């Protein structure tokens, strides 16, 4: 897994927040939904950085509820992910 190296449209700002999310992905020909948690590290209008123990891969889609606006759902796609010891660092783009 390689880090996505394209220039971002918006600068990321530090942002610390624990999130509980659902990962949507295909496993062979089966559609899978797994619940996990992670820590947001930085964010912009277009995306955010995340650390989690779930083995994220580019193309996975994450969804989670907004803690500040009831009923609002966030959806993002993993653009890049890198394994770091016992966790994963990923870059997400909001969709």
PDB file of N, CA and C in Angstrom:
ATOM      1  N   UNK A   1       0.839  -1.177   0.000  1.00  0.00           N
ATOM      2  CA  UNK A   1       0.000   0.000   0.000  1.00  0.00           C
ATOM      3  C   UNK A   1       0.882   1.237   0.000  1.00  0.00           C
ATOM      4  N   UNK A   2       0.688   2.091  -0.985  1.00  0.00           N
ATOM      5  CA  UNK A   2       1.501   3.287  -1.091  1.00  0.00           C
ATOM      6  C   UNK A   2       0.687   4.522  -0.772  1.00  0.00           C
ATOM      7  N   UNK A   3       1.348   5.500  -0.188  1.00  0.00           N
ATOM      8  CA  UNK A   3       0.685   6.758   0.135  1.00  0.00           C
ATOM      9  C   UNK A   3       0.389   7.531  -1.137  1.00  0.00           C
ATOM     10  N   UNK A   4      -0.792   8.094  -1.200  1.00  0.00           N
ATOM     11  CA  UNK A   4      -1.209   8.902  -2.331  1.00  0.00           C
ATOM     12  C   UNK A   4      -0.406  10.188  -2.290  1.00  0.00           C
ATOM     13  N   UNK A   5       0.271  10.553  -3.380  1.00  0.00           N
ATOM     14  CA  UNK A   5       1.229  11.649  -3.346  1.00  0.00           C
ATOM     15  C   UNK A   5       0.801  12.876  -4.145  1.00  0.00           C
ATOM     16  N   UNK A   6      -0.431  12.946  -4.591  1.00  0.00           N
ATOM     17  CA  UNK A   6      -0.899  14.086  -5.366  1.00  0.00           C
ATOM     18  C   UNK A   6      -1.121  15.292  -4.435  1.00  0.00           C
ATOM     19  N   UNK A   7      -0.915  16.494  -4.957  1.00  0.00           N
ATOM     20  CA  UNK A   7      -1.110  17.718  -4.178  1.00  0.00           C
ATOM     21  C   UNK A   7      -2.573  17.846  -3.775  1.00  0.00           C
ATOM     22  N   UNK A   8      -2.820  18.156  -2.518  1.00  0.00           N
ATOM     23  CA  UNK A   8      -4.179  18.332  -2.027  1.00  0.00           C
ATOM     24  C   UNK A   8      -4.744  19.668  -2.483  1.00  0.00           C
ATOM     25  N   UNK A   9      -6.058  19.696  -2.702  1.00  0.00           N
ATOM     26  CA  UNK A   9      -6.731  20.942  -3.078  1.00  0.00           C
ATOM     27  C   UNK A   9      -6.822  21.895  -1.887  1.00  0.00           C
ATOM     28  N   UNK A  10      -6.981  21.339  -0.683  1.00  0.00           N
ATOM     29  CA  UNK A  10      -7.134  22.128   0.535  1.00  0.00           C
ATOM     30  C   UNK A  10      -6.118  21.650   1.556  1.00  0.00           C
ATOM     31  N   UNK A  11      -5.510  22.573   2.275  1.00  0.00           N
ATOM     32  CA  UNK A  11      -4.578  22.198   3.325  1.00  0.00           C
ATOM     33  C   UNK A  11      -5.330  21.525   4.468  1.00  0.00           C
ATOM     34  N   UNK A  12      -4.708  20.527   5.042  1.00  0.00           N
ATOM     35  CA  UNK A  12      -5.282  19.856   6.203  1.00  0.00           C
ATOM     36  C   UNK A  12      -4.905  20.621   7.474  1.00  0.00           C
ATOM     37  N   UNK A  13      -5.852  20.687   8.395  1.00  0.00           N
ATOM     38  CA  UNK A  13      -5.639  21.306   9.704  1.00  0.00           C
ATOM     39  C   UNK A  13      -5.682  20.205  10.753  1.00  0.00           C
ATOM     40  N   UNK A  14      -4.914  20.341  11.847  1.00  0.00           N
ATOM     41  CA  UNK A  14      -4.993  19.340  12.913  1.00  0.00           C
ATOM     42  C   UNK A  14      -6.441  19.188  13.403  1.00  0.00           C
ATOM     43  N   UNK A  15      -6.831  17.952  13.630  1.00  0.00           N
ATOM     44  CA  UNK A  15      -8.200  17.651  14.065  1.00  0.00           C
ATOM     45  C   UNK A  15      -8.169  16.334  14.813  1.00  0.00           C
ATOM     46  N   UNK A  16      -8.454  16.354  16.088  1.00  0.00           N
ATOM     47  CA  UNK A  16      -8.450  15.137  16.911  1.00  0.00           C
ATOM     48  C   UNK A  16      -9.876  14.776  17.272  1.00  0.00           C
ATOM     49  N   UNK A  17     -10.294  13.580  16.843  1.00  0.00           N
ATOM     50  CA  UNK A  17     -11.649  13.126  17.148  1.00  0.00           C
ATOM     51  C   UNK A  17     -11.700  11.613  17.000  1.00  0.00           C
ATOM     52  N   UNK A  18     -12.258  10.944  17.999  1.00  0.00           N
ATOM     53  CA  UNK A  18     -12.491   9.501  17.885  1.00  0.00           C
ATOM     54  C   UNK A  18     -13.761   9.304  17.078  1.00  0.00           C
ATOM     55  N   UNK A  19     -13.726   8.353  16.146  1.00  0.00           N
ATOM     56  CA  UNK A  19     -14.925   8.067  15.356  1.00  0.00           C
ATOM     57  C   UNK A  19     -15.176   6.565  15.311  1.00  0.00           C
ATOM     58  N   UNK A  20     -16.444   6.208  15.344  1.00  0.00           N
ATOM     59  CA  UNK A  20     -16.892   4.833  15.128  1.00  0.00           C
ATOM     60  C   UNK A  20     -17.448   4.804  13.716  1.00  0.00           C
ATOM     61  N   UNK A  21     -16.920   3.927  12.878  1.00  0.00           N
ATOM     62  CA  UNK A  21     -17.305   3.926  11.479  1.00  0.00           C
ATOM     63  C   UNK A  21     -17.645   2.526  10.994  1.00  0.00           C
ATOM     64  N   UNK A  22     -18.300   2.484   9.838  1.00  0.00           N
ATOM     65  CA  UNK A  22     -18.589   1.240   9.141  1.00  0.00           C
ATOM     66  C   UNK A  22     -17.771   1.242   7.858  1.00  0.00           C
ATOM     67  N   UNK A  23     -17.074   0.146   7.589  1.00  0.00           N
ATOM     68  CA  UNK A  23     -16.291  -0.001   6.365  1.00  0.00           C
ATOM     69  C   UNK A  23     -17.116  -0.848   5.397  1.00  0.00           C
ATOM     70  N   UNK A  24     -17.290  -0.328   4.172  1.00  0.00           N
ATOM     71  CA  UNK A  24     -18.010  -1.042   3.121  1.00  0.00           C
ATOM     72  C   UNK A  24     -16.993  -1.481   2.080  1.00  0.00           C
ATOM     73  N   UNK A  25     -16.945  -2.790   1.760  1.00  0.00           N
ATOM     74  CA  UNK A  25     -15.963  -3.275   0.808  1.00  0.00           C
ATOM     75  C   UNK A  25     -16.394  -4.613   0.234  1.00  0.00           C
ATOM     76  N   UNK A  26     -15.741  -5.010  -0.848  1.00  0.00           N
ATOM     77  CA  UNK A  26     -15.996  -6.306  -1.472  1.00  0.00           C
ATOM     78  C   UNK A  26     -14.920  -7.293  -1.026  1.00  0.00           C
ATOM     79  N   UNK A  27     -15.342  -8.508  -0.699  1.00  0.00           N
ATOM     80  CA  UNK A  27     -14.423  -9.596  -0.371  1.00  0.00           C
ATOM     81  C   UNK A  27     -14.780 -10.732  -1.314  1.00  0.00           C
ATOM     82  N   UNK A  28     -13.922 -10.961  -2.308  1.00  0.00           N
ATOM     83  CA  UNK A  28     -14.247 -11.851  -3.426  1.00  0.00           C
ATOM     84  C   UNK A  28     -15.495 -11.280  -4.092  1.00  0.00           C
ATOM     85  N   UNK A  29     -16.600 -11.982  -4.097  1.00  0.00           N
ATOM     86  CA  UNK A  29     -17.811 -11.437  -4.717  1.00  0.00           C
ATOM     87  C   UNK A  29     -18.860 -11.049  -3.665  1.00  0.00           C
ATOM     88  N   UNK A  30     -18.456 -11.026  -2.394  1.00  0.00           N
ATOM     89  CA  UNK A  30     -19.387 -10.689  -1.310  1.00  0.00           C
ATOM     90  C   UNK A  30     -19.219  -9.241  -0.866  1.00  0.00           C
ATOM     91  N   UNK A  31     -20.353  -8.544  -0.682  1.00  0.00           N
ATOM     92  CA  UNK A  31     -20.349  -7.186  -0.148  1.00  0.00           C
ATOM     93  C   UNK A  31     -20.264  -7.283   1.371  1.00  0.00           C
ATOM     94  N   UNK A  32     -19.292  -6.611   1.968  1.00  0.00           N
ATOM     95  CA  UNK A  32     -19.044  -6.716   3.413  1.00  0.00           C
ATOM     96  C   UNK A  32     -19.264  -5.379   4.100  1.00  0.00           C
ATOM     97  N   UNK A  33     -19.697  -5.435   5.342  1.00  0.00           N
ATOM     98  CA  UNK A  33     -19.836  -4.269   6.221  1.00  0.00           C
ATOM     99  C   UNK A  33     -19.187  -4.645   7.550  1.00  0.00           C
ATOM    100  N   UNK A  34     -18.177  -3.897   7.957  1.00  0.00           N
ATOM    101  CA  UNK A  34     -17.496  -4.154   9.224  1.00  0.00           C
ATOM    102  C   UNK A  34     -17.500  -2.870  10.045  1.00  0.00           C
ATOM    103  N   UNK A  35     -17.754  -2.997  11.326  1.00  0.00           N
ATOM    104  CA  UNK A  35     -17.736  -1.844  12.223  1.00  0.00           C
ATOM    105  C   UNK A  35     -16.364  -1.759  12.888  1.00  0.00           C
ATOM    106  N   UNK A  36     -15.844  -0.549  13.004  1.00  0.00           N
ATOM    107  CA  UNK A  36     -14.546  -0.345  13.625  1.00  0.00           C
ATOM    108  C   UNK A  36     -14.494   1.058  14.210  1.00  0.00           C
ATOM    109  N   UNK A  37     -13.331   1.417  14.706  1.00  0.00           N
ATOM    110  CA  UNK A  37     -13.137   2.752  15.278  1.00  0.00           C
ATOM    111  C   UNK A  37     -11.747   3.243  14.940  1.00  0.00           C
ATOM    112  N   UNK A  38     -11.587   4.544  15.030  1.00  0.00           N
ATOM    113  CA  UNK A  38     -10.302   5.133  14.727  1.00  0.00           C
ATOM    114  C   UNK A  38     -10.200   6.530  15.296  1.00  0.00           C
ATOM    115  N   UNK A  39      -9.095   7.167  15.000  1.00  0.00           N
ATOM    116  CA  UNK A  39      -8.812   8.513  15.483  1.00  0.00           C
ATOM    117  C   UNK A  39      -8.503   9.393  14.279  1.00  0.00           C
ATOM    118  N   UNK A  40      -9.333  10.418  14.082  1.00  0.00           N
ATOM    119  CA  UNK A  40      -9.045  11.403  13.035  1.00  0.00           C
ATOM    120  C   UNK A  40      -7.863  12.241  13.503  1.00  0.00           C
ATOM    121  N   UNK A  41      -6.929  12.513  12.595  1.00  0.00           N
ATOM    122  CA  UNK A  41      -5.721  13.266  12.937  1.00  0.00           C
ATOM    123  C   UNK A  41      -5.710  14.668  12.355  1.00  0.00           C
ATOM    124  N   UNK A  42      -6.267  14.795  11.148  1.00  0.00           N
ATOM    125  CA  UNK A  42      -6.304  16.085  10.473  1.00  0.00           C
ATOM    126  C   UNK A  42      -7.473  16.067   9.502  1.00  0.00           C
ATOM    127  N   UNK A  43      -7.925  17.268   9.076  1.00  0.00           N
ATOM    128  CA  UNK A  43      -9.077  17.333   8.186  1.00  0.00           C
ATOM    129  C   UNK A  43      -9.033  18.590   7.341  1.00  0.00           C
ATOM    130  N   UNK A  44      -9.752  18.539   6.224  1.00  0.00           N
ATOM    131  CA  UNK A  44      -9.943  19.695   5.357  1.00  0.00           C
ATOM    132  C   UNK A  44     -11.363  19.596   4.806  1.00  0.00           C
ATOM    133  N   UNK A  45     -11.722  20.503   3.905  1.00  0.00           N
ATOM    134  CA  UNK A  45     -13.030  20.436   3.257  1.00  0.00           C
ATOM    135  C   UNK A  45     -13.167  19.182   2.410  1.00  0.00           C
ATOM    136  N   UNK A  46     -12.049  18.648   1.929  1.00  0.00           N
ATOM    137  CA  UNK A  46     -12.084  17.532   0.982  1.00  0.00           C
ATOM    138  C   UNK A  46     -11.814  16.166   1.597  1.00  0.00           C
ATOM    139  N   UNK A  47     -11.193  16.101   2.777  1.00  0.00           N
ATOM    140  CA  UNK A  47     -10.864  14.792   3.332  1.00  0.00           C
ATOM    141  C   UNK A  47     -10.269  14.864   4.708  1.00  0.00           C
ATOM    142  N   UNK A  48      -9.740  13.735   5.164  1.00  0.00           N
ATOM    143  CA  UNK A  48      -9.128  13.682   6.497  1.00  0.00           C
ATOM    144  C   UNK A  48      -8.146  12.531   6.592  1.00  0.00           C
ATOM    145  N   UNK A  49      -7.292  12.612   7.595  1.00  0.00           N
ATOM    146  CA  UNK A  49      -6.364  11.542   7.910  1.00  0.00           C
ATOM    147  C   UNK A  49      -6.902  10.742   9.079  1.00  0.00           C
ATOM    148  N   UNK A  50      -6.659   9.442   9.078  1.00  0.00           N
ATOM    149  CA  UNK A  50      -7.224   8.543  10.073  1.00  0.00           C
ATOM    150  C   UNK A  50      -6.201   7.500  10.483  1.00  0.00           C
ATOM    151  N   UNK A  51      -6.231   7.145  11.761  1.00  0.00           N
ATOM    152  CA  UNK A  51      -5.451   6.010  12.290  1.00  0.00           C
ATOM    153  C   UNK A  51      -6.450   5.009  12.850  1.00  0.00           C
ATOM    154  N   UNK A  52      -6.265   3.725  12.496  1.00  0.00           N
ATOM    155  CA  UNK A  52      -7.162   2.678  12.960  1.00  0.00           C
ATOM    156  C   UNK A  52      -6.422   1.343  12.984  1.00  0.00           C
ATOM    157  N   UNK A  53      -6.979   0.380  13.678  1.00  0.00           N
ATOM    158  CA  UNK A  53      -6.411  -0.970  13.653  1.00  0.00           C
ATOM    159  C   UNK A  53      -7.042  -1.808  12.547  1.00  0.00           C
ATOM    160  N   UNK A  54      -8.123  -1.317  11.918  1.00  0.00           N
ATOM    161  CA  UNK A  54      -8.758  -2.040  10.824  1.00  0.00           C
ATOM    162  C   UNK A  54      -7.856  -1.966   9.588  1.00  0.00           C
ATOM    163  N   UNK A  55      -7.649  -3.065   8.884  1.00  0.00           N
ATOM    164  CA  UNK A  55      -6.751  -3.081   7.714  1.00  0.00           C
ATOM    165  C   UNK A  55      -7.368  -2.392   6.489  1.00  0.00           C
ATOM    166  N   UNK A  56      -7.385  -1.068   6.514  1.00  0.00           N
ATOM    167  CA  UNK A  56      -7.953  -0.291   5.415  1.00  0.00           C
ATOM    168  C   UNK A  56      -7.120  -0.434   4.150  1.00  0.00           C
ATOM    169  N   UNK A  57      -7.811  -0.365   2.998  1.00  0.00           N
ATOM    170  CA  UNK A  57      -7.164  -0.423   1.687  1.00  0.00           C
ATOM    171  C   UNK A  57      -7.794   0.631   0.793  1.00  0.00           C
ATOM    172  N   UNK A  58      -7.038   1.137  -0.192  1.00  0.00           N
ATOM    173  CA  UNK A  58      -7.628   2.077  -1.140  1.00  0.00           C
ATOM    174  C   UNK A  58      -8.891   1.497  -1.774  1.00  0.00           C
ATOM    175  N   UNK A  59      -9.919   2.326  -1.870  1.00  0.00           N
ATOM    176  CA  UNK A  59     -11.197   1.888  -2.421  1.00  0.00           C
ATOM    177  C   UNK A  59     -12.236   1.543  -1.378  1.00  0.00           C
ATOM    178  N   UNK A  60     -11.822   1.228  -0.150  1.00  0.00           N
ATOM    179  CA  UNK A  60     -12.799   0.995   0.906  1.00  0.00           C
ATOM    180  C   UNK A  60     -13.594   2.277   1.115  1.00  0.00           C
ATOM    181  N   UNK A  61     -14.865   2.135   1.436  1.00  0.00           N
ATOM    182  CA  UNK A  61     -15.729   3.276   1.729  1.00  0.00           C
ATOM    183  C   UNK A  61     -16.080   3.226   3.209  1.00  0.00           C
ATOM    184  N   UNK A  62     -15.956   4.380   3.875  1.00  0.00           N
ATOM    185  CA  UNK A  62     -16.277   4.485   5.299  1.00  0.00           C
ATOM    186  C   UNK A  62     -17.473   5.402   5.466  1.00  0.00           C
ATOM    187  N   UNK A  63     -18.330   5.082   6.420  1.00  0.00           N
ATOM    188  CA  UNK A  63     -19.434   5.967   6.776  1.00  0.00           C
ATOM    189  C   UNK A  63     -19.523   6.050   8.293  1.00  0.00           C
ATOM    190  N   UNK A  64     -19.882   7.250   8.775  1.00  0.00           N
ATOM    191  CA  UNK A  64     -20.022   7.461  10.208  1.00  0.00           C
ATOM    192  C   UNK A  64     -20.952   8.632  10.458  1.00  0.00           C
ATOM    193  N   UNK A  65     -21.580   8.637  11.638  1.00  0.00           N
ATOM    194  CA  UNK A  65     -22.486   9.704  12.034  1.00  0.00           C
ATOM    195  C   UNK A  65     -21.695  10.903  12.530  1.00  0.00           C
ATOM    196  N   UNK A  66     -22.193  12.082  12.209  1.00  0.00           N
ATOM    197  CA  UNK A  66     -21.601  13.322  12.690  1.00  0.00           C
ATOM    198  C   UNK A  66     -21.984  13.492  14.162  1.00  0.00           C
ATOM    199  N   UNK A  67     -21.010  13.634  15.035  1.00  0.00           N
ATOM    200  CA  UNK A  67     -21.272  13.798  16.462  1.00  0.00           C
ATOM    201  C   UNK A  67     -21.850  15.171  16.787  1.00  0.00           C
ATOM    202  N   UNK A  68     -21.702  16.129  15.878  1.00  0.00           N
ATOM    203  CA  UNK A  68     -22.107  17.506  16.141  1.00  0.00           C
ATOM    204  C   UNK A  68     -23.425  17.889  15.474  1.00  0.00           C
ATOM    205  N   UNK A  69     -23.853  17.123  14.462  1.00  0.00           N
ATOM    206  CA  UNK A  69     -25.104  17.391  13.764  1.00  0.00           C
ATOM    207  C   UNK A  69     -25.894  16.094  13.651  1.00  0.00           C
ATOM    208  N   UNK A  70     -26.890  15.930  14.516  1.00  0.00           N
ATOM    209  CA  UNK A  70     -27.681  14.707  14.536  1.00  0.00           C
ATOM    210  C   UNK A  70     -28.319  14.450  13.171  1.00  0.00           C
ATOM    211  N   UNK A  71     -28.242  13.217  12.713  1.00  0.00           N
ATOM    212  CA  UNK A  71     -28.837  12.829  11.449  1.00  0.00           C
ATOM    213  C   UNK A  71     -27.938  13.029  10.236  1.00  0.00           C
ATOM    214  N   UNK A  72     -26.777  13.652  10.415  1.00  0.00           N
ATOM    215  CA  UNK A  72     -25.864  13.860   9.293  1.00  0.00           C
ATOM    216  C   UNK A  72     -24.881  12.693   9.208  1.00  0.00           C
ATOM    217  N   UNK A  73     -24.743  12.122   8.022  1.00  0.00           N
ATOM    218  CA  UNK A  73     -23.865  10.986   7.795  1.00  0.00           C
ATOM    219  C   UNK A  73     -22.673  11.438   6.966  1.00  0.00           C
ATOM    220  N   UNK A  74     -21.472  11.053   7.380  1.00  0.00           N
ATOM    221  CA  UNK A  74     -20.260  11.321   6.604  1.00  0.00           C
ATOM    222  C   UNK A  74     -19.930  10.070   5.800  1.00  0.00           C
ATOM    223  N   UNK A  75     -19.499  10.268   4.555  1.00  0.00           N
ATOM    224  CA  UNK A  75     -19.061   9.158   3.713  1.00  0.00           C
ATOM    225  C   UNK A  75     -17.739   9.557   3.074  1.00  0.00           C
ATOM    226  N   UNK A  76     -16.756   8.668   3.128  1.00  0.00           N
ATOM    227  CA  UNK A  76     -15.434   8.941   2.568  1.00  0.00           C
ATOM    228  C   UNK A  76     -14.868   7.657   1.964  1.00  0.00           C
ATOM    229  N   UNK A  77     -13.972   7.838   0.990  1.00  0.00           N
ATOM    230  CA  UNK A  77     -13.298   6.707   0.367  1.00  0.00           C
ATOM    231  C   UNK A  77     -11.815   6.754   0.740  1.00  0.00           C
ATOM    232  N   UNK A  78     -11.234   5.600   0.992  1.00  0.00           N
ATOM    233  CA  UNK A  78      -9.808   5.510   1.291  1.00  0.00           C
ATOM    234  C   UNK A  78      -9.027   5.740   0.001  1.00  0.00           C
ATOM    235  N   UNK A  79      -8.204   6.798  -0.029  1.00  0.00           N
ATOM    236  CA  UNK A  79      -7.358   7.086  -1.199  1.00  0.00           C
ATOM    237  C   UNK A  79      -6.028   6.350  -1.094  1.00  0.00           C
ATOM    238  N   UNK A  80      -5.477   6.293   0.119  1.00  0.00           N
ATOM    239  CA  UNK A  80      -4.230   5.576   0.351  1.00  0.00           C
ATOM    240  C   UNK A  80      -4.241   5.059   1.783  1.00  0.00           C
ATOM    241  N   UNK A  81      -3.466   4.015   2.030  1.00  0.00           N
ATOM    242  CA  UNK A  81      -3.343   3.451   3.384  1.00  0.00           C
ATOM    243  C   UNK A  81      -1.955   2.855   3.530  1.00  0.00           C
ATOM    244  N   UNK A  82      -1.437   2.958   4.737  1.00  0.00           N
ATOM    245  CA  UNK A  82      -0.111   2.421   5.030  1.00  0.00           C
ATOM    246  C   UNK A  82      -0.149   1.714   6.383  1.00  0.00           C
ATOM    247  N   UNK A  83       0.405   0.495   6.440  1.00  0.00           N
ATOM    248  CA  UNK A  83       0.487  -0.246   7.701  1.00  0.00           C
ATOM    249  C   UNK A  83       1.677   0.283   8.491  1.00  0.00           C
ATOM    250  N   UNK A  84       1.430   0.598   9.761  1.00  0.00           N
ATOM    251  CA  UNK A  84       2.465   1.075  10.678  1.00  0.00           C
ATOM    252  C   UNK A  84       2.388   0.233  11.948  1.00  0.00           C
ATOM    253  N   UNK A  85       3.266  -0.748  12.058  1.00  0.00           N
ATOM    254  CA  UNK A  85       3.265  -1.665  13.212  1.00  0.00           C
ATOM    255  C   UNK A  85       1.902  -2.324  13.369  1.00  0.00           C
ATOM    256  N   UNK A  86       1.152  -1.979  14.432  1.00  0.00           N
ATOM    257  CA  UNK A  86      -0.117  -2.651  14.709  1.00  0.00           C
ATOM    258  C   UNK A  86      -1.335  -1.826  14.296  1.00  0.00           C
ATOM    259  N   UNK A  87      -1.143  -0.774  13.498  1.00  0.00           N
ATOM    260  CA  UNK A  87      -2.277   0.035  13.060  1.00  0.00           C
ATOM    261  C   UNK A  87      -2.068   0.507  11.619  1.00  0.00           C
ATOM    262  N   UNK A  88      -3.058   1.186  11.095  1.00  0.00           N
ATOM    263  CA  UNK A  88      -3.034   1.689   9.722  1.00  0.00           C
ATOM    264  C   UNK A  88      -3.253   3.195   9.729  1.00  0.00           C
ATOM    265  N   UNK A  89      -2.510   3.883   8.888  1.00  0.00           N
ATOM    266  CA  UNK A  89      -2.672   5.322   8.664  1.00  0.00           C
ATOM    267  C   UNK A  89      -3.269   5.443   7.279  1.00  0.00           C
ATOM    268  N   UNK A  90      -4.365   6.205   7.149  1.00  0.00           N
ATOM    269  CA  UNK A  90      -5.051   6.306   5.860  1.00  0.00           C
ATOM    270  C   UNK A  90      -5.430   7.739   5.557  1.00  0.00           C
ATOM    271  N   UNK A  91      -5.492   8.032   4.273  1.00  0.00           N
ATOM    272  CA  UNK A  91      -5.989   9.308   3.782  1.00  0.00           C
ATOM    273  C   UNK A  91      -7.353   9.077   3.147  1.00  0.00           C
ATOM    274  N   UNK A  92      -8.350   9.831   3.602  1.00  0.00           N
ATOM    275  CA  UNK A  92      -9.712   9.683   3.115  1.00  0.00           C
ATOM    276  C   UNK A  92     -10.118  10.898   2.301  1.00  0.00           C
ATOM    277  N   UNK A  93     -10.949  10.680   1.293  1.00  0.00           N
ATOM    278  CA  UNK A  93     -11.548  11.777   0.526  1.00  0.00           C
ATOM    279  C   UNK A  93     -13.063  11.682   0.714  1.00  0.00           C
ATOM    280  N   UNK A  94     -13.676  12.804   1.087  1.00  0.00           N
ATOM    281  CA  UNK A  94     -15.129  12.813   1.283  1.00  0.00           C
ATOM    282  C   UNK A  94     -15.840  12.641  -0.055  1.00  0.00           C
ATOM    283  N   UNK A  95     -16.912  11.848  -0.038  1.00  0.00           N
ATOM    284  CA  UNK A  95     -17.720  11.645  -1.250  1.00  0.00           C
ATOM    285  C   UNK A  95     -19.168  11.927  -0.944  1.00  0.00           C
TER     286      UNK A  95
END
